[in-house]
C-alpha atoms as a PDB file:
ATOM      1  CA  MET A   1      16.663  -3.831  29.033  1.00  0.00           C
ATOM      2  CA  ALA A   2      16.832   0.101  27.343  1.00  0.00           C
ATOM      3  CA  VAL A   3      13.816   1.108  25.132  1.00  0.00           C
ATOM      4  CA  ALA A   4      16.405   1.011  22.056  1.00  0.00           C
ATOM      5  CA  ASP A   5      16.930  -2.287  22.614  1.00  0.00           C
ATOM      6  CA  HIS A   6      13.231  -3.279  22.840  1.00  0.00           C
ATOM      7  CA  LEU A   7      12.442  -1.251  20.139  1.00  0.00           C
ATOM      8  CA  THR A   8      14.920  -3.084  17.362  1.00  0.00           C
ATOM      9  CA  GLU A   9      13.889  -6.057  18.777  1.00  0.00           C
ATOM     10  CA  TYR A  10      10.374  -5.688  18.280  1.00  0.00           C
ATOM     11  CA  GLY A  11      11.198  -4.200  14.808  1.00  0.00           C
ATOM     12  CA  LYS A  12      13.061  -7.703  14.112  1.00  0.00           C
ATOM     13  CA  TYR A  13       9.668  -9.189  15.354  1.00  0.00           C
ATOM     14  CA  LEU A  14       7.240  -7.524  13.096  1.00  0.00           C
ATOM     15  CA  THR A  15       9.646  -8.365   9.886  1.00  0.00           C
ATOM     16  CA  ASP A  16      10.628 -11.387  10.684  1.00  0.00           C
ATOM     17  CA  GLU A  17       7.868 -13.155  12.236  1.00  0.00           C
ATOM     18  CA  LYS A  18       4.866 -11.055  11.544  1.00  0.00           C
ATOM     19  CA  HIS A  19       6.287 -10.424   7.943  1.00  0.00           C
ATOM     20  CA  SER A  20       4.777  -6.647   8.308  1.00  0.00           C
ATOM     21  CA  SER A  21       6.023  -4.014   5.285  1.00  0.00           C
ATOM     22  CA  ALA A  22       8.573  -1.788   6.159  1.00  0.00           C
ATOM     23  CA  ASN A  23       6.108   1.184   6.167  1.00  0.00           C
ATOM     24  CA  THR A  24       4.173  -1.039   8.890  1.00  0.00           C
ATOM     25  CA  VAL A  25       7.295  -1.606  10.872  1.00  0.00           C
ATOM     26  CA  SER A  26       8.336   2.260  10.722  1.00  0.00           C
ATOM     27  CA  SER A  27       5.038   3.597  11.034  1.00  0.00           C
ATOM     28  CA  TYR A  28       4.824   1.158  14.376  1.00  0.00           C
ATOM     29  CA  LEU A  29       8.258   1.958  15.532  1.00  0.00           C
ATOM     30  CA  ARG A  30       7.909   5.608  15.515  1.00  0.00           C
ATOM     31  CA  ASP A  31       4.392   5.124  17.363  1.00  0.00           C
ATOM     32  CA  VAL A  32       5.829   3.620  20.376  1.00  0.00           C
ATOM     33  CA  SER A  33       8.858   6.089  20.022  1.00  0.00           C
ATOM     34  CA  GLN A  34       6.976   9.215  20.654  1.00  0.00           C
ATOM     35  CA  PHE A  35       5.239   7.351  23.388  1.00  0.00           C
ATOM     36  CA  ALA A  36       8.194   6.680  25.272  1.00  0.00           C
ATOM     37  CA  GLU A  37       9.266  10.581  24.955  1.00  0.00           C
ATOM     38  CA  TYR A  38       5.602  11.571  26.278  1.00  0.00           C
ATOM     39  CA  LEU A  39       5.821   9.121  29.300  1.00  0.00           C
ATOM     40  CA  ARG A  40       9.731  10.222  30.139  1.00  0.00           C
ATOM     41  CA  ALA A  41       8.660  14.032  29.570  1.00  0.00           C
ATOM     42  CA  GLU A  42       5.142  14.067  31.091  1.00  0.00           C
ATOM     43  CA  GLN A  43       5.007  11.178  33.072  1.00  0.00           C
ATOM     44  CA  ASP A  44       8.470  10.589  34.543  1.00  0.00           C
ATOM     45  CA  CYS A  45       8.149   6.639  34.092  1.00  0.00           C
ATOM     46  CA  SER A  46       9.402   4.190  30.968  1.00  0.00           C
ATOM     47  CA  LEU A  47       7.556   2.199  28.413  1.00  0.00           C
ATOM     48  CA  GLU A  48       7.474  -1.285  31.316  1.00  0.00           C
ATOM     49  CA  GLN A  49       6.066   1.212  33.588  1.00  0.00           C
ATOM     50  CA  ALA A  50       3.156   2.641  31.721  1.00  0.00           C
ATOM     51  CA  ARG A  51      -0.535   2.534  33.039  1.00  0.00           C
ATOM     52  CA  PRO A  52      -3.785   2.496  30.969  1.00  0.00           C
ATOM     53  CA  GLU A  53      -4.653   5.925  32.577  1.00  0.00           C
ATOM     54  CA  MET A  54      -0.855   6.816  30.592  1.00  0.00           C
ATOM     55  CA  VAL A  55      -1.829   5.046  27.233  1.00  0.00           C
ATOM     56  CA  LYS A  56      -5.892   7.511  27.114  1.00  0.00           C
ATOM     57  CA  ALA A  57      -4.088  10.720  28.270  1.00  0.00           C
ATOM     58  CA  TYR A  58      -1.507  10.434  25.392  1.00  0.00           C
ATOM     59  CA  MET A  59      -4.544   9.733  23.059  1.00  0.00           C
ATOM     60  CA  ASN A  60      -5.835  12.919  24.971  1.00  0.00           C
ATOM     61  CA  TRP A  61      -2.449  14.824  24.375  1.00  0.00           C
ATOM     62  CA  MET A  62      -2.764  13.439  20.692  1.00  0.00           C
ATOM     63  CA  ALA A  63      -6.051  14.535  19.743  1.00  0.00           C
ATOM     64  CA  SER A  64      -5.830  18.187  21.887  1.00  0.00           C
ATOM     65  CA  ARG A  65      -2.640  18.664  18.988  1.00  0.00           C
ATOM     66  CA  GLY A  66      -4.883  18.321  15.908  1.00  0.00           C
ATOM     67  CA  LYS A  67      -3.976  14.706  15.816  1.00  0.00           C
ATOM     68  CA  SER A  68      -6.595  13.011  13.687  1.00  0.00           C
ATOM     69  CA  PRO A  69      -9.218  10.178  15.096  1.00  0.00           C
ATOM     70  CA  SER A  70      -6.958   7.298  12.455  1.00  0.00           C
ATOM     71  CA  SER A  71      -3.625   8.792  13.916  1.00  0.00           C
ATOM     72  CA  VAL A  72      -4.918   8.001  17.211  1.00  0.00           C
ATOM     73  CA  THR A  73      -6.528   4.583  16.222  1.00  0.00           C
ATOM     74  CA  ARG A  74      -3.636   3.821  14.654  1.00  0.00           C
ATOM     75  CA  PHE A  75      -1.459   4.685  17.636  1.00  0.00           C
ATOM     76  CA  LEU A  76      -3.760   2.141  19.594  1.00  0.00           C
ATOM     77  CA  ALA A  77      -3.132  -0.398  17.320  1.00  0.00           C
ATOM     78  CA  SER A  78       0.989  -0.059  17.373  1.00  0.00           C
ATOM     79  CA  VAL A  79       0.999   0.396  21.578  1.00  0.00           C
ATOM     80  CA  LYS A  80      -1.047  -2.609  21.867  1.00  0.00           C
ATOM     81  CA  SER A  81       1.284  -4.829  19.448  1.00  0.00           C
ATOM     82  CA  PHE A  82       4.478  -3.750  21.086  1.00  0.00           C
ATOM     83  CA  TYR A  83       2.875  -4.626  24.827  1.00  0.00           C
ATOM     84  CA  ASN A  84       1.902  -7.988  23.717  1.00  0.00           C
ATOM     85  CA  TYR A  85       5.284  -8.017  22.255  1.00  0.00           C
ATOM     86  CA  LEU A  86       7.311  -7.151  25.600  1.00  0.00           C
ATOM     87  CA  LEU A  87       4.254 -10.100  27.613  1.00  0.00           C
ATOM     88  CA  SER A  88       5.682 -12.405  24.898  1.00  0.00           C
ATOM     89  CA  VAL A  89       9.121 -12.323  26.220  1.00  0.00           C
ATOM     90  CA  GLY A  90       8.402 -11.549  29.640  1.00  0.00           C
ATOM     91  CA  ALA A  91       9.406  -7.766  29.702  1.00  0.00           C
ATOM     92  CA  VAL A  92       6.261  -6.887  31.363  1.00  0.00           C
ATOM     93  CA  ASP A  93       3.244  -8.470  33.400  1.00  0.00           C
ATOM     94  CA  SER A  94       0.367  -6.744  31.121  1.00  0.00           C
ATOM     95  CA  ASN A  95      -0.607  -4.930  28.246  1.00  0.00           C
ATOM     96  CA  PRO A  96      -1.955  -1.446  29.626  1.00  0.00           C
ATOM     97  CA  ALA A  97      -3.700  -0.659  26.283  1.00  0.00           C
ATOM     98  CA  LYS A  98      -5.442  -3.630  26.175  1.00  0.00           C
ATOM     99  CA  ASN A  99      -8.547  -2.792  27.562  1.00  0.00           C
ATOM    100  CA  VAL A 100      -8.371   1.116  26.179  1.00  0.00           C
ATOM    101  CA  THR A 101     -10.565   1.861  22.937  1.00  0.00           C
ATOM    102  CA  ALA A 102     -10.308   4.918  20.330  1.00  0.00           C
ATOM    103  CA  ALA A 103     -13.082   6.756  19.375  1.00  0.00           C
ATOM    104  CA  ARG A 104     -14.404   5.812  16.429  1.00  0.00           C
ATOM    105  CA  ALA A 105     -12.885   7.491  13.183  1.00  0.00           C
ATOM    106  CA  GLU A 106     -15.305   7.851  10.491  1.00  0.00           C
ATOM    107  CA  ARG A 107     -14.152   5.533   7.350  1.00  0.00           C
ATOM    108  CA  LYS A 108     -12.960   6.917   4.214  1.00  0.00           C
ATOM    109  CA  TYR A 109     -13.827   4.726   1.312  1.00  0.00           C
ATOM    110  CA  PRO A 110     -10.875   4.808  -1.349  1.00  0.00           C
ATOM    111  CA  GLU A 111     -10.590   7.103  -4.299  1.00  0.00           C
ATOM    112  CA  ILE A 112     -11.532   5.157  -7.732  1.00  0.00           C
ATOM    113  CA  LEU A 113     -11.225   6.230 -11.122  1.00  0.00           C
ATOM    114  CA  THR A 114     -13.900   5.869 -13.604  1.00  0.00           C
ATOM    115  CA  ASN A 115     -13.212   3.855 -16.213  1.00  0.00           C
ATOM    116  CA  ARG A 116     -12.860   6.951 -18.897  1.00  0.00           C
ATOM    117  CA  GLU A 117      -9.605   8.174 -16.361  1.00  0.00           C
ATOM    118  CA  VAL A 118      -8.554   5.043 -16.305  1.00  0.00           C
ATOM    119  CA  GLU A 119      -8.020   5.093 -20.292  1.00  0.00           C
ATOM    120  CA  LEU A 120      -7.046   8.515 -20.894  1.00  0.00           C
ATOM    121  CA  PHE A 121      -4.572   8.093 -17.714  1.00  0.00           C
ATOM    122  CA  LEU A 122      -3.038   5.184 -19.742  1.00  0.00           C
ATOM    123  CA  GLU A 123      -2.865   6.819 -23.109  1.00  0.00           C
ATOM    124  CA  GLN A 124      -0.740   9.632 -21.771  1.00  0.00           C
ATOM    125  CA  PRO A 125       2.703   7.644 -22.120  1.00  0.00           C
ATOM    126  CA  GLN A 126       3.970   8.094 -25.278  1.00  0.00           C
ATOM    127  CA  CYS A 127       5.756   4.801 -27.085  1.00  0.00           C
ATOM    128  CA  VAL A 128       8.073   6.937 -29.481  1.00  0.00           C
ATOM    129  CA  ASP A 129      11.417   6.491 -27.413  1.00  0.00           C
ATOM    130  CA  ALA A 130      12.410   4.264 -24.391  1.00  0.00           C
ATOM    131  CA  LYS A 131      11.200   6.093 -21.565  1.00  0.00           C
ATOM    132  CA  GLY A 132       7.883   6.046 -23.371  1.00  0.00           C
ATOM    133  CA  TYR A 133       7.818   2.268 -24.010  1.00  0.00           C
ATOM    134  CA  ARG A 134       8.883   1.670 -20.135  1.00  0.00           C
ATOM    135  CA  ASP A 135       6.469   4.560 -18.858  1.00  0.00           C
ATOM    136  CA  HIS A 136       3.643   2.691 -20.961  1.00  0.00           C
ATOM    137  CA  ALA A 137       4.476  -0.590 -19.746  1.00  0.00           C
ATOM    138  CA  MET A 138       4.374   0.055 -15.901  1.00  0.00           C
ATOM    139  CA  LEU A 139       1.222   1.841 -15.844  1.00  0.00           C
ATOM    140  CA  GLU A 140      -0.312  -0.745 -17.700  1.00  0.00           C
ATOM    141  CA  LEU A 141       1.379  -3.797 -15.598  1.00  0.00           C
ATOM    142  CA  LEU A 142      -0.014  -1.851 -12.584  1.00  0.00           C
ATOM    143  CA  TYR A 143      -3.844  -1.290 -13.402  1.00  0.00           C
ATOM    144  CA  ALA A 144      -3.715  -5.211 -14.924  1.00  0.00           C
ATOM    145  CA  THR A 145      -2.617  -6.648 -11.482  1.00  0.00           C
ATOM    146  CA  GLY A 146      -3.273  -4.136  -8.763  1.00  0.00           C
ATOM    147  CA  ILE A 147      -0.217  -4.957  -7.551  1.00  0.00           C
ATOM    148  CA  ARG A 148       1.351  -2.876  -4.570  1.00  0.00           C
ATOM    149  CA  VAL A 149       4.339   0.070  -5.935  1.00  0.00           C
ATOM    150  CA  SER A 150       6.637  -1.752  -3.432  1.00  0.00           C
ATOM    151  CA  GLU A 151       5.762  -4.893  -5.544  1.00  0.00           C
ATOM    152  CA  LEU A 152       5.955  -3.591  -8.849  1.00  0.00           C
ATOM    153  CA  ILE A 153       9.474  -2.133  -8.206  1.00  0.00           C
ATOM    154  CA  ALA A 154      10.644  -5.389  -6.637  1.00  0.00           C
ATOM    155  CA  LEU A 155       9.814  -7.159  -9.918  1.00  0.00           C
ATOM    156  CA  ASN A 156      12.408  -9.027 -11.671  1.00  0.00           C
ATOM    157  CA  LEU A 157      12.538 -10.232 -15.285  1.00  0.00           C
ATOM    158  CA  SER A 158      12.033 -14.079 -13.699  1.00  0.00           C
ATOM    159  CA  ASP A 159       8.488 -12.464 -12.657  1.00  0.00           C
ATOM    160  CA  LEU A 160       7.212 -12.051 -15.499  1.00  0.00           C
ATOM    161  CA  ASN A 161       5.870 -14.866 -17.845  1.00  0.00           C
ATOM    162  CA  LEU A 162       4.813 -13.487 -21.216  1.00  0.00           C
ATOM    163  CA  ALA A 163       4.169 -16.428 -23.073  1.00  0.00           C
ATOM    164  CA  ALA A 164       1.174 -17.546 -20.240  1.00  0.00           C
ATOM    165  CA  GLY A 165       0.045 -13.982 -19.444  1.00  0.00           C
ATOM    166  CA  PHE A 166       0.980 -13.494 -15.947  1.00  0.00           C
ATOM    167  CA  ILE A 167       3.373 -12.365 -12.581  1.00  0.00           C
ATOM    168  CA  ARG A 168       4.624 -14.225  -9.815  1.00  0.00           C
ATOM    169  CA  CYS A 169       4.618 -11.349  -7.181  1.00  0.00           C
ATOM    170  CA  ALA A 170       6.074 -12.142  -3.437  1.00  0.00           C
ATOM    171  CA  SER A 171       5.351 -10.147  -0.979  1.00  0.00           C
ATOM    172  CA  LYS A 172       4.901 -10.117   2.856  1.00  0.00           C
ATOM    173  CA  GLY A 173       6.137 -13.798   2.678  1.00  0.00           C
ATOM    174  CA  ARG A 174       3.574 -14.788   0.251  1.00  0.00           C
ATOM    175  CA  GLU A 175       3.496 -15.324  -3.624  1.00  0.00           C
ATOM    176  CA  ARG A 176       0.389 -15.404  -5.780  1.00  0.00           C
ATOM    177  CA  ILE A 177       0.274 -15.692  -9.245  1.00  0.00           C
ATOM    178  CA  ILE A 178      -1.583 -12.659 -11.157  1.00  0.00           C
ATOM    179  CA  PRO A 179      -2.826 -12.519 -14.764  1.00  0.00           C
ATOM    180  CA  MET A 180      -2.735 -10.199 -17.091  1.00  0.00           C
ATOM    181  CA  TYR A 181      -4.701  -8.353 -20.122  1.00  0.00           C
ATOM    182  CA  HIS A 182      -3.208  -8.450 -23.530  1.00  0.00           C
ATOM    183  CA  THR A 183      -2.897  -4.975 -23.884  1.00  0.00           C
ATOM    184  CA  ALA A 184      -0.497  -5.495 -20.940  1.00  0.00           C
ATOM    185  CA  VAL A 185       1.410  -8.325 -21.881  1.00  0.00           C
ATOM    186  CA  LYS A 186       2.117  -6.238 -25.668  1.00  0.00           C
ATOM    187  CA  ALA A 187       3.547  -3.479 -23.605  1.00  0.00           C
ATOM    188  CA  LEU A 188       5.515  -5.433 -21.295  1.00  0.00           C
ATOM    189  CA  GLN A 189       6.876  -7.284 -24.616  1.00  0.00           C
ATOM    190  CA  ASP A 190       7.965  -4.442 -26.729  1.00  0.00           C
ATOM    191  CA  TYR A 191       9.320  -3.256 -23.315  1.00  0.00           C
ATOM    192  CA  VAL A 192      11.280  -6.322 -23.038  1.00  0.00           C
ATOM    193  CA  ARG A 193      12.730  -7.340 -25.822  1.00  0.00           C
ATOM    194  CA  GLU A 194      13.004  -3.723 -27.374  1.00  0.00           C
ATOM    195  CA  VAL A 195      13.693  -1.013 -24.855  1.00  0.00           C
ATOM    196  CA  ARG A 196      15.275  -2.895 -21.932  1.00  0.00           C
ATOM    197  CA  PRO A 197      17.982  -4.206 -23.164  1.00  0.00           C
ATOM    198  CA  ARG A 198      18.925  -1.168 -24.185  1.00  0.00           C
ATOM    199  CA  ILE A 199      18.871   0.838 -21.063  1.00  0.00           C
ATOM    200  CA  ILE A 200      20.090  -1.657 -18.490  1.00  0.00           C
ATOM    201  CA  ALA A 201      23.424  -0.584 -17.154  1.00  0.00           C
ATOM    202  CA  ASP A 202      24.449  -3.828 -16.400  1.00  0.00           C
ATOM    203  CA  SER A 203      23.763  -7.203 -18.210  1.00  0.00           C
ATOM    204  CA  ARG A 204      23.152  -9.193 -14.958  1.00  0.00           C
ATOM    205  CA  GLU A 205      20.565  -6.721 -14.004  1.00  0.00           C
ATOM    206  CA  GLU A 206      17.946  -8.526 -12.851  1.00  0.00           C
ATOM    207  CA  ALA A 207      15.293  -5.525 -11.905  1.00  0.00           C
ATOM    208  CA  LEU A 208      12.040  -5.309 -14.296  1.00  0.00           C
ATOM    209  CA  PHE A 209      11.398  -1.525 -14.532  1.00  0.00           C
ATOM    210  CA  VAL A 210      14.970   0.398 -14.398  1.00  0.00           C
ATOM    211  CA  ASN A 211      15.601   4.296 -14.299  1.00  0.00           C
ATOM    212  CA  MET A 212      16.781   6.023 -17.159  1.00  0.00           C
ATOM    213  CA  SER A 213      20.758   5.734 -15.783  1.00  0.00           C
ATOM    214  CA  GLY A 214      19.670   1.668 -16.439  1.00  0.00           C
ATOM    215  CA  GLU A 215      19.062   0.929 -12.245  1.00  0.00           C
ATOM    216  CA  ARG A 216      16.289  -0.515 -10.739  1.00  0.00           C
ATOM    217  CA  MET A 217      13.592   1.955 -10.697  1.00  0.00           C
ATOM    218  CA  SER A 218      13.220   3.371  -6.829  1.00  0.00           C
ATOM    219  CA  ARG A 219       9.811   4.530  -5.321  1.00  0.00           C
ATOM    220  CA  GLN A 220      10.391   8.334  -5.702  1.00  0.00           C
ATOM    221  CA  GLY A 221      10.942   7.997  -9.171  1.00  0.00           C
ATOM    222  CA  PHE A 222       7.812   5.661 -10.123  1.00  0.00           C
ATOM    223  CA  TRP A 223       6.050   8.276  -7.986  1.00  0.00           C
ATOM    224  CA  LYS A 224       7.397  11.404  -9.971  1.00  0.00           C
ATOM    225  CA  ILE A 225       6.131   9.137 -13.264  1.00  0.00           C
ATOM    226  CA  ILE A 226       2.712   8.986 -11.832  1.00  0.00           C
ATOM    227  CA  LYS A 227       2.398  12.802 -11.246  1.00  0.00           C
ATOM    228  CA  TYR A 228       3.859  13.446 -14.155  1.00  0.00           C
ATOM    229  CA  TYR A 229       1.001  11.620 -16.217  1.00  0.00           C
ATOM    230  CA  GLN A 230      -1.541  13.078 -14.091  1.00  0.00           C
ATOM    231  CA  GLU A 231      -0.567  16.570 -15.080  1.00  0.00           C
ATOM    232  CA  LYS A 232      -0.638  15.552 -18.499  1.00  0.00           C
ATOM    233  CA  ALA A 233      -3.948  14.122 -18.460  1.00  0.00           C
ATOM    234  CA  GLY A 234      -5.357  16.925 -16.841  1.00  0.00           C
ATOM    235  CA  ILE A 235      -6.945  14.252 -14.361  1.00  0.00           C
ATOM    236  CA  GLN A 236      -8.183  16.577 -10.599  1.00  0.00           C
ATOM    237  CA  LYS A 237      -8.139  13.163  -8.972  1.00  0.00           C
ATOM    238  CA  ASP A 238      -4.747  12.762  -6.702  1.00  0.00           C
ATOM    239  CA  ILE A 239      -3.720   9.836  -8.820  1.00  0.00           C
ATOM    240  CA  THR A 240      -1.467   7.441  -6.892  1.00  0.00           C
ATOM    241  CA  PRO A 241      -0.380   3.820  -7.056  1.00  0.00           C
ATOM    242  CA  HIS A 242      -2.551   2.877  -4.871  1.00  0.00           C
ATOM    243  CA  VAL A 243      -5.736   4.872  -6.071  1.00  0.00           C
ATOM    244  CA  LEU A 244      -5.078   2.601  -9.331  1.00  0.00           C
ATOM    245  CA  ARG A 245      -4.846  -0.675  -7.009  1.00  0.00           C
ATOM    246  CA  HIS A 246      -8.629   0.877  -5.677  1.00  0.00           C
ATOM    247  CA  SER A 247      -9.725   1.049  -9.052  1.00  0.00           C
ATOM    248  CA  PHE A 248      -8.158  -2.079 -10.032  1.00  0.00           C
ATOM    249  CA  ALA A 249     -10.596  -4.228  -7.640  1.00  0.00           C
ATOM    250  CA  ALA A 250     -13.376  -1.952  -7.782  1.00  0.00           C
ATOM    251  CA  HIS A 251     -13.736  -2.203 -11.528  1.00  0.00           C
ATOM    252  CA  LEU A 252     -13.224  -5.952 -11.703  1.00  0.00           C
ATOM    253  CA  LEU A 253     -16.036  -6.204  -8.820  1.00  0.00           C
ATOM    254  CA  GLU A 254     -18.224  -4.184 -10.963  1.00  0.00           C
ATOM    255  CA  ASN A 255     -17.676  -6.706 -14.156  1.00  0.00           C
ATOM    256  CA  GLY A 256     -18.679  -9.523 -11.771  1.00  0.00           C
ATOM    257  CA  ALA A 257     -15.448 -10.916 -10.231  1.00  0.00           C
ATOM    258  CA  ASP A 258     -15.697 -13.107  -7.686  1.00  0.00           C
ATOM    259  CA  LEU A 259     -14.636 -11.149  -4.537  1.00  0.00           C
ATOM    260  CA  ARG A 260     -12.379 -14.096  -3.006  1.00  0.00           C
ATOM    261  CA  ALA A 261     -10.377 -13.766  -6.472  1.00  0.00           C
ATOM    262  CA  ILE A 262      -9.872 -10.154  -6.073  1.00  0.00           C
ATOM    263  CA  GLN A 263      -8.915 -10.991  -2.493  1.00  0.00           C
ATOM    264  CA  GLU A 264      -6.059 -13.505  -3.913  1.00  0.00           C
ATOM    265  CA  MET A 265      -4.772 -10.859  -6.569  1.00  0.00           C
ATOM    266  CA  LEU A 266      -4.619  -8.145  -3.801  1.00  0.00           C
ATOM    267  CA  GLY A 267      -2.756 -10.236  -1.393  1.00  0.00           C
ATOM    268  CA  HIS A 268      -5.400  -9.469   0.786  1.00  0.00           C
ATOM    269  CA  ALA A 269      -4.594 -11.683   4.374  1.00  0.00           C
ATOM    270  CA  ASP A 270      -7.911 -11.114   5.743  1.00  0.00           C
ATOM    271  CA  ILE A 271     -11.596 -10.648   3.050  1.00  0.00           C
ATOM    272  CA  SER A 272     -12.589  -7.731   5.085  1.00  0.00           C
ATOM    273  CA  SER A 273     -10.000  -5.805   3.581  1.00  0.00           C
ATOM    274  CA  THR A 274     -11.336  -6.595  -0.033  1.00  0.00           C
ATOM    275  CA  GLN A 275     -15.114  -6.068   1.143  1.00  0.00           C
ATOM    276  CA  ILE A 276     -14.346  -2.427   1.282  1.00  0.00           C
ATOM    277  CA  TYR A 277     -14.815  -2.194  -2.972  1.00  0.00           C
ATOM    278  CA  THR A 278     -18.482  -3.299  -2.014  1.00  0.00           C
ATOM    279  CA  HIS A 279     -19.597  -0.502  -0.577  1.00  0.00           C
ATOM    280  CA  VAL A 280     -17.600   1.630  -3.140  1.00  0.00           C
ATOM    281  CA  VAL A 281     -19.257   0.207  -5.726  1.00  0.00           C
ATOM    282  CA  ARG A 282     -22.901   0.190  -4.098  1.00  0.00           C
ATOM    283  CA  ASN A 283     -21.780   3.907  -3.495  1.00  0.00           C
ATOM    284  CA  GLN A 284     -21.089   4.481  -7.051  1.00  0.00           C
ATOM    285  CA  LEU A 285     -24.332   2.543  -7.869  1.00  0.00           C
ATOM    286  CA  LYS A 286     -26.283   4.898  -6.039  1.00  0.00           C
ATOM    287  CA  ASP A 287     -24.817   7.765  -6.954  1.00  0.00           C
ATOM    288  CA  VAL A 288     -25.612   7.211 -10.920  1.00  0.00           C
ATOM    289  CA  TYR A 289     -28.856   6.372 -10.096  1.00  0.00           C
ATOM    290  CA  ASN A 290     -29.877   9.497  -7.839  1.00  0.00           C
ATOM    291  CA  LYS A 291     -28.141  11.586 -11.055  1.00  0.00           C
ATOM    292  CA  ALA A 292     -30.010   9.317 -13.823  1.00  0.00           C
ATOM    293  CA  HIS A 293     -33.378   8.882 -12.428  1.00  0.00           C
ATOM    294  CA  PRO A 294     -35.869  10.941 -13.648  1.00  0.00           C
ATOM    295  CA  ARG A 295     -37.589  10.306 -10.121  1.00  0.00           C
ATOM    296  CA  ALA A 296     -34.619   9.977  -7.737  1.00  0.00           C
END
């Protein structure tokens, strides 16, 4: 089977069986495709013929061209996963990346907004026109639930239960129910009842959030909204949808929420992904202590 065919089938496997996100599938396929090009140009061999020393040589080649340790580590995860797939379908006899290790990358903790920064940011949309009401509802919902931007723009009107104060979010083959605080519910009520009916292009439109042309909001469109209000608020930190997600989790933990409950709301398959917020909160407390204690 040709390389392109292997990659196509591998992409389907990641999507259909592993329920990987579109971004993960794209990253893995790109990593393996670039490795295939390297093997052809530098080693004169195919993916099926690769040996462990070739995987190591490519990692060294990446590092020599300025690739970060995290990029090299991600490549190794991509190629290990790819060869495990080839093994499962009988295309290779062994995984050349199986026993290869990458240099340990320094762990970077996520950027977190302070409570005051969140308040300042959420205050920016002015509810004086349709766009202001919509943007206010989107930002309140994002911070209230900690959902991903892909999940936010995929929400349909039917996923919203204003009476009970929660949203239903489906992602990666799993569904979760996430509660919302009163301010977010009120912002959504105003948007859904007064604004959305006026701006949707088609009465059959299912999307909860639409652009000003009345069609489902895009990822790029929402990123522009985030950046606009960050600049308007004068906040120096680089605010992204994921920064609001991180802040949601860290602030819940700071105020005594159970780690397992946060894991469920975030949709993390593994608790270890959620435990990073304990380190974030601990480091913040240490900073406060060192700045405030008279003998620190």
